[in-house]
């Protein structure tokens, strides 16, 4: 059974990996990779991971997953409304990121 605790743990671990991977040159998650990232984008991934894992650890997995899911809905909307490759002038994104954020919002919620 998929529970908020499982979601928080799995996504928490995944976001750690993605956040750290973004700091290592690779073709998947990098400034010129399939998913465009910069240091700020990587930091957001690491903070998201910390939130998921803290929620799981301290008994707030349900609230955390809902909050992060809503956050990714907002990120998706801002991403699709952003004309450039810099969301809010800080976070490097591309088309793949925009669709991934939409998928994350749906999967988390």
Protein backbone atom coordinates (compact mmCIF):
# COMPACT_ATOMS: atom_id res chain seq x y z
CA UNK A 1 0.00 0.00 0.00
CA UNK A 2 1.28 3.45 -0.91
CA UNK A 3 1.18 5.67 2.16
CA UNK A 4 2.30 9.26 2.73
CA UNK A 5 5.19 7.88 4.80
CA UNK A 6 6.37 5.74 1.88
CA UNK A 7 6.00 8.67 -0.53
CA UNK A 8 7.99 10.94 1.79
CA UNK A 9 10.79 8.40 2.19
CA UNK A 10 11.05 7.48 -1.50
CA UNK A 11 10.84 11.04 -2.79
CA UNK A 12 13.15 12.24 0.00
CA UNK A 13 15.84 9.77 -1.05
CA UNK A 14 15.29 10.51 -4.74
CA UNK A 15 15.58 14.27 -4.28
CA UNK A 16 18.87 13.82 -2.38
CA UNK A 17 20.28 11.83 -5.29
CA UNK A 18 19.06 14.30 -7.92
CA UNK A 19 20.24 17.29 -5.90
CA UNK A 20 23.73 15.86 -5.50
CA UNK A 21 23.89 14.54 -9.07
CA UNK A 22 23.26 18.07 -10.34
CA UNK A 23 26.61 19.17 -8.92
CA UNK A 24 28.47 16.47 -10.92
CA UNK A 25 28.87 16.90 -14.70
CA UNK A 26 26.54 14.42 -16.43
CA UNK A 27 24.15 14.34 -19.43
CA UNK A 28 20.95 13.91 -17.40
CA UNK A 29 20.86 16.63 -14.71
CA UNK A 30 23.18 19.55 -15.53
CA UNK A 31 23.07 23.04 -17.06
CA UNK A 32 23.13 21.51 -20.55
CA UNK A 33 21.59 18.15 -19.65
CA UNK A 34 18.22 16.62 -20.39
CA UNK A 35 16.94 18.36 -17.25
CA UNK A 36 18.49 21.81 -16.93
CA UNK A 37 19.69 22.73 -13.45
CA UNK A 38 21.95 25.24 -11.78
CA UNK A 39 23.23 25.46 -8.21
CA UNK A 40 19.99 27.09 -7.01
CA UNK A 41 17.89 24.36 -8.64
CA UNK A 42 20.08 21.71 -6.97
CA UNK A 43 19.67 23.47 -3.63
CA UNK A 44 15.88 23.41 -4.06
CA UNK A 45 16.07 19.65 -4.65
CA UNK A 46 18.14 19.17 -1.50
CA UNK A 47 15.78 21.33 0.58
CA UNK A 48 12.80 19.41 -0.80
CA UNK A 49 14.52 16.19 0.22
CA UNK A 50 15.15 17.53 3.71
CA UNK A 51 11.49 18.49 4.05
CA UNK A 52 10.29 15.05 2.91
CA UNK A 53 12.66 13.20 5.23
CA UNK A 54 11.94 15.47 8.20
CA UNK A 55 8.21 15.01 7.68
CA UNK A 56 8.69 11.25 7.55
CA UNK A 57 10.92 11.22 10.63
CA UNK A 58 8.75 13.39 12.85
CA UNK A 59 5.29 12.03 12.00
CA UNK A 60 4.17 14.68 9.53
CA UNK A 61 4.49 12.69 6.31
CA UNK A 62 0.91 13.37 5.19
CA UNK A 63 1.11 17.12 5.77
CA UNK A 64 4.55 17.27 4.18
CA UNK A 65 3.54 15.38 1.04
CA UNK A 66 0.46 17.57 0.59
CA UNK A 67 2.49 20.74 1.13
CA UNK A 68 5.23 19.72 -1.29
CA UNK A 69 2.65 18.49 -3.81
CA UNK A 70 0.94 21.89 -3.74
CA UNK A 71 4.35 23.56 -3.97
CA UNK A 72 5.07 21.59 -7.16
CA UNK A 73 1.68 22.58 -8.62
CA UNK A 74 2.71 26.22 -8.11
CA UNK A 75 6.21 25.54 -9.52
CA UNK A 76 4.60 23.92 -12.57
CA UNK A 77 2.36 26.93 -13.18
CA UNK A 78 5.21 29.40 -12.74
CA UNK A 79 7.41 27.27 -15.00
CA UNK A 80 4.90 27.17 -17.84
CA UNK A 81 4.24 30.92 -17.48
CA UNK A 82 7.97 31.70 -17.58
CA UNK A 83 9.09 32.67 -21.08
CA UNK A 84 12.82 32.29 -20.46
CA UNK A 85 14.96 29.46 -19.15
CA UNK A 86 15.33 31.16 -15.74
CA UNK A 87 12.33 30.72 -13.46
CA UNK A 88 11.98 33.79 -11.22
CA UNK A 89 15.40 34.84 -12.49
CA UNK A 90 17.04 32.25 -10.21
CA UNK A 91 16.34 28.68 -11.23
CA UNK A 92 17.47 27.25 -14.57
CA UNK A 93 14.72 25.21 -16.25
CA UNK A 94 13.85 23.83 -19.66
CA UNK A 95 10.83 22.12 -21.25
CA UNK A 96 11.70 18.75 -19.72
CA UNK A 97 11.84 20.34 -16.25
CA UNK A 98 8.44 21.94 -16.74
CA UNK A 99 6.82 18.61 -17.59
CA UNK A 100 8.72 16.77 -14.86
CA UNK A 101 7.44 19.26 -12.28
CA UNK A 102 3.88 18.64 -13.49
CA UNK A 103 4.41 14.89 -13.18
CA UNK A 104 5.92 15.27 -9.72
CA UNK A 105 2.94 17.31 -8.54
CA UNK A 106 0.57 14.62 -9.79
CA UNK A 107 2.61 11.76 -8.33
CA UNK A 108 3.06 13.40 -4.94
CA UNK A 109 -0.58 14.39 -4.57
